[in-house]
């Protein structure tokens, strides 16, 4: 951490190519402003996308989460936002 490197636990629905992994790593580097030491895990329960934990932050870009948010909007009757 003193060298500006942080651990990132990244869960994806499928095994990613090296190019896809690098893309996520670059996005997290830009988001945190730090070098990323990524650890990738596959968990098909998230349906698609990824979930990343970096330091004390969780970035949930999973399809499962997006479906949950959509369902919440439908239940609340908020279709336009």
N, C-alpha and C. Protein backbone atom coordinates (compact mmCIF):
# COMPACT_ATOMS: atom_id res chain seq x y z
N UNK A 1 0.83 -1.19 0.00
CA UNK A 1 0.00 0.00 0.00
C UNK A 1 0.87 1.26 0.00
N UNK A 2 2.00 1.20 0.69
CA UNK A 2 2.91 2.35 0.71
C UNK A 2 3.44 2.67 -0.68
N UNK A 3 3.53 1.66 -1.54
CA UNK A 3 4.02 1.84 -2.90
C UNK A 3 2.90 2.22 -3.87
N UNK A 4 1.69 2.44 -3.35
CA UNK A 4 0.57 2.83 -4.20
C UNK A 4 -0.06 1.67 -4.93
N UNK A 5 0.09 0.47 -4.37
CA UNK A 5 -0.50 -0.73 -4.98
C UNK A 5 -1.57 -1.26 -4.04
N UNK A 6 -2.78 -1.52 -4.58
CA UNK A 6 -3.86 -2.05 -3.76
C UNK A 6 -4.35 -3.38 -4.33
N UNK A 7 -4.83 -4.23 -3.46
CA UNK A 7 -5.40 -5.51 -3.85
C UNK A 7 -6.82 -5.28 -4.36
N UNK A 8 -7.19 -6.01 -5.40
CA UNK A 8 -8.56 -5.92 -5.93
C UNK A 8 -9.07 -7.34 -6.13
N UNK A 9 -10.15 -7.67 -5.44
CA UNK A 9 -10.81 -8.95 -5.62
C UNK A 9 -11.94 -8.74 -6.61
N UNK A 10 -11.84 -9.39 -7.77
CA UNK A 10 -12.78 -9.17 -8.86
C UNK A 10 -13.49 -10.47 -9.18
N UNK A 11 -14.81 -10.44 -9.09
CA UNK A 11 -15.63 -11.62 -9.38
C UNK A 11 -16.35 -11.39 -10.70
N UNK A 12 -16.25 -12.38 -11.59
CA UNK A 12 -16.93 -12.31 -12.89
C UNK A 12 -17.79 -13.55 -13.07
N UNK A 13 -18.74 -13.46 -13.98
CA UNK A 13 -19.65 -14.58 -14.23
C UNK A 13 -18.98 -15.68 -15.05
N UNK A 14 -18.01 -15.30 -15.88
CA UNK A 14 -17.29 -16.26 -16.72
C UNK A 14 -15.80 -15.96 -16.67
N UNK A 15 -15.02 -16.89 -17.14
CA UNK A 15 -13.58 -16.66 -17.25
C UNK A 15 -13.34 -15.60 -18.32
N UNK A 16 -12.54 -14.59 -17.99
CA UNK A 16 -12.27 -13.50 -18.92
C UNK A 16 -10.98 -13.74 -19.69
N UNK A 17 -10.91 -13.10 -20.85
CA UNK A 17 -9.66 -13.12 -21.60
C UNK A 17 -8.68 -12.18 -20.92
N UNK A 18 -7.43 -12.29 -21.26
CA UNK A 18 -6.43 -11.39 -20.69
C UNK A 18 -6.73 -9.94 -21.04
N UNK A 19 -7.24 -9.70 -22.25
CA UNK A 19 -7.59 -8.35 -22.67
C UNK A 19 -8.72 -7.78 -21.80
N UNK A 20 -9.73 -8.60 -21.52
CA UNK A 20 -10.86 -8.17 -20.67
C UNK A 20 -10.39 -7.90 -19.24
N UNK A 21 -9.52 -8.76 -18.73
CA UNK A 21 -8.97 -8.55 -17.39
C UNK A 21 -8.19 -7.25 -17.32
N UNK A 22 -7.39 -6.99 -18.33
CA UNK A 22 -6.59 -5.77 -18.38
C UNK A 22 -7.51 -4.54 -18.43
N UNK A 23 -8.61 -4.63 -19.17
CA UNK A 23 -9.55 -3.53 -19.26
C UNK A 23 -10.15 -3.20 -17.89
N UNK A 24 -10.55 -4.22 -17.15
CA UNK A 24 -11.10 -3.99 -15.81
C UNK A 24 -10.02 -3.44 -14.89
N UNK A 25 -8.83 -4.00 -14.97
CA UNK A 25 -7.71 -3.51 -14.15
C UNK A 25 -7.43 -2.03 -14.45
N UNK A 26 -7.42 -1.64 -15.72
CA UNK A 26 -7.18 -0.25 -16.09
C UNK A 26 -8.28 0.67 -15.57
N UNK A 27 -9.53 0.20 -15.64
CA UNK A 27 -10.66 0.99 -15.13
C UNK A 27 -10.52 1.20 -13.62
N UNK A 28 -10.15 0.14 -12.91
CA UNK A 28 -9.98 0.26 -11.46
C UNK A 28 -8.79 1.15 -11.11
N UNK A 29 -7.75 1.08 -11.91
CA UNK A 29 -6.57 1.94 -11.69
C UNK A 29 -6.98 3.41 -11.85
N UNK A 30 -7.76 3.69 -12.87
CA UNK A 30 -8.23 5.06 -13.09
C UNK A 30 -9.15 5.50 -11.94
N UNK A 31 -10.01 4.61 -11.50
CA UNK A 31 -10.96 4.91 -10.42
C UNK A 31 -10.25 5.22 -9.10
N UNK A 32 -9.22 4.42 -8.78
CA UNK A 32 -8.54 4.55 -7.49
C UNK A 32 -7.33 5.48 -7.54
N UNK A 33 -6.75 5.66 -8.72
CA UNK A 33 -5.52 6.43 -8.83
C UNK A 33 -4.31 5.65 -8.33
N UNK A 34 -4.47 4.33 -8.18
CA UNK A 34 -3.39 3.48 -7.67
C UNK A 34 -3.18 2.29 -8.59
N UNK A 35 -2.01 1.68 -8.47
CA UNK A 35 -1.75 0.44 -9.20
C UNK A 35 -2.61 -0.66 -8.58
N UNK A 36 -3.06 -1.59 -9.41
CA UNK A 36 -3.96 -2.65 -8.96
C UNK A 36 -3.26 -4.00 -9.03
N UNK A 37 -3.39 -4.77 -7.96
CA UNK A 37 -2.95 -6.16 -7.95
C UNK A 37 -4.23 -7.01 -7.96
N UNK A 38 -4.67 -7.41 -9.17
CA UNK A 38 -5.99 -8.06 -9.29
C UNK A 38 -5.97 -9.55 -8.95
N UNK A 39 -7.07 -10.00 -8.36
CA UNK A 39 -7.31 -11.42 -8.09
C UNK A 39 -8.70 -11.72 -8.66
N UNK A 40 -8.74 -12.53 -9.72
CA UNK A 40 -10.00 -12.82 -10.40
C UNK A 40 -10.58 -14.15 -9.93
N UNK A 41 -11.91 -14.16 -9.74
CA UNK A 41 -12.65 -15.35 -9.34
C UNK A 41 -13.90 -15.43 -10.23
N UNK A 42 -14.27 -16.64 -10.62
CA UNK A 42 -15.48 -16.84 -11.42
C UNK A 42 -16.61 -17.30 -10.51
N UNK A 43 -17.77 -16.64 -10.63
CA UNK A 43 -18.98 -17.01 -9.89
C UNK A 43 -20.17 -16.74 -10.81
N UNK A 44 -20.71 -17.78 -11.40
CA UNK A 44 -21.78 -17.58 -12.40
C UNK A 44 -23.10 -17.10 -11.80
N UNK A 45 -23.21 -17.00 -10.49
CA UNK A 45 -24.44 -16.51 -9.87
C UNK A 45 -24.66 -15.02 -10.12
N UNK A 46 -23.61 -14.28 -10.50
CA UNK A 46 -23.80 -12.85 -10.75
C UNK A 46 -24.34 -12.60 -12.16
N UNK A 47 -24.50 -13.67 -12.95
CA UNK A 47 -25.14 -13.65 -14.27
C UNK A 47 -24.31 -13.00 -15.36
N UNK A 48 -23.64 -11.91 -15.10
CA UNK A 48 -22.84 -11.18 -16.07
C UNK A 48 -22.22 -9.97 -15.41
N UNK A 49 -21.30 -9.31 -16.09
CA UNK A 49 -20.64 -8.15 -15.51
C UNK A 49 -19.59 -8.57 -14.51
N UNK A 50 -19.34 -7.70 -13.53
CA UNK A 50 -18.35 -8.01 -12.51
C UNK A 50 -18.66 -7.29 -11.21
N UNK A 51 -18.06 -7.80 -10.13
CA UNK A 51 -18.09 -7.15 -8.83
C UNK A 51 -16.64 -7.05 -8.39
N UNK A 52 -16.22 -5.84 -8.02
CA UNK A 52 -14.84 -5.64 -7.58
C UNK A 52 -14.82 -5.06 -6.18
N UNK A 53 -13.93 -5.59 -5.35
CA UNK A 53 -13.71 -5.02 -4.03
C UNK A 53 -12.28 -4.49 -4.01
N UNK A 54 -12.17 -3.19 -3.79
CA UNK A 54 -10.88 -2.52 -3.72
C UNK A 54 -10.87 -1.72 -2.43
N UNK A 55 -9.93 -2.06 -1.56
CA UNK A 55 -9.88 -1.46 -0.23
C UNK A 55 -11.24 -1.65 0.43
N UNK A 56 -11.88 -0.58 0.88
CA UNK A 56 -13.18 -0.72 1.57
C UNK A 56 -14.35 -0.42 0.65
N UNK A 57 -14.11 -0.39 -0.67
CA UNK A 57 -15.17 -0.08 -1.63
C UNK A 57 -15.55 -1.32 -2.44
N UNK A 58 -16.84 -1.40 -2.74
CA UNK A 58 -17.34 -2.46 -3.62
C UNK A 58 -17.98 -1.80 -4.83
N UNK A 59 -17.52 -2.23 -6.00
CA UNK A 59 -18.08 -1.73 -7.26
C UNK A 59 -18.88 -2.88 -7.84
N UNK A 60 -20.19 -2.74 -7.83
CA UNK A 60 -21.07 -3.81 -8.29
C UNK A 60 -21.61 -3.48 -9.67
N UNK A 61 -20.95 -3.99 -10.69
CA UNK A 61 -21.38 -3.79 -12.07
C UNK A 61 -21.91 -5.12 -12.63
N UNK A 62 -22.55 -5.89 -11.75
CA UNK A 62 -23.06 -7.19 -12.16
C UNK A 62 -24.45 -7.09 -12.76
N UNK A 63 -24.77 -8.01 -13.62
CA UNK A 63 -26.10 -8.07 -14.20
C UNK A 63 -27.13 -8.36 -13.11
N UNK A 64 -26.77 -9.18 -12.15
CA UNK A 64 -27.67 -9.50 -11.05
C UNK A 64 -28.09 -8.23 -10.32
N UNK A 65 -27.13 -7.34 -10.05
CA UNK A 65 -27.44 -6.08 -9.34
C UNK A 65 -28.33 -5.18 -10.19
N UNK A 66 -28.05 -5.10 -11.48
CA UNK A 66 -28.85 -4.28 -12.37
C UNK A 66 -30.30 -4.79 -12.43
N UNK A 67 -30.47 -6.11 -12.43
CA UNK A 67 -31.82 -6.68 -12.40
C UNK A 67 -32.54 -6.36 -11.10
N UNK A 68 -31.80 -6.38 -9.98
CA UNK A 68 -32.40 -6.03 -8.69
C UNK A 68 -32.86 -4.57 -8.68
N UNK A 69 -32.04 -3.67 -9.23
CA UNK A 69 -32.41 -2.26 -9.28
C UNK A 69 -33.62 -2.04 -10.18
N UNK A 70 -33.68 -2.74 -11.29
CA UNK A 70 -34.83 -2.64 -12.19
C UNK A 70 -36.10 -3.14 -11.50
N UNK A 71 -36.01 -4.26 -10.81
CA UNK A 71 -37.17 -4.80 -10.10
C UNK A 71 -37.65 -3.82 -9.04
N UNK A 72 -36.73 -3.19 -8.34
CA UNK A 72 -37.10 -2.21 -7.31
C UNK A 72 -37.86 -1.05 -7.94
N UNK A 73 -37.38 -0.56 -9.09
CA UNK A 73 -38.08 0.54 -9.78
C UNK A 73 -39.47 0.11 -10.22
N UNK A 74 -39.60 -1.10 -10.72
CA UNK A 74 -40.91 -1.59 -11.15
C UNK A 74 -41.87 -1.68 -9.98
N UNK A 75 -41.42 -2.21 -8.86
CA UNK A 75 -42.25 -2.36 -7.68
C UNK A 75 -42.69 -0.99 -7.16
N UNK A 76 -41.78 -0.01 -7.23
CA UNK A 76 -42.09 1.34 -6.75
C UNK A 76 -42.88 2.15 -7.77
N UNK A 77 -43.01 1.63 -8.98
CA UNK A 77 -43.74 2.35 -10.02
C UNK A 77 -42.95 3.48 -10.63
N UNK A 78 -41.62 3.45 -10.53
CA UNK A 78 -40.77 4.49 -11.11
C UNK A 78 -40.18 3.99 -12.40
N UNK A 79 -40.85 4.24 -13.49
CA UNK A 79 -40.42 3.70 -14.78
C UNK A 79 -39.52 4.66 -15.55
N UNK A 80 -39.58 5.94 -15.26
CA UNK A 80 -38.86 6.93 -16.06
C UNK A 80 -37.52 7.36 -15.49
N UNK A 81 -37.09 6.89 -14.32
CA UNK A 81 -35.81 7.30 -13.77
C UNK A 81 -35.03 6.14 -13.28
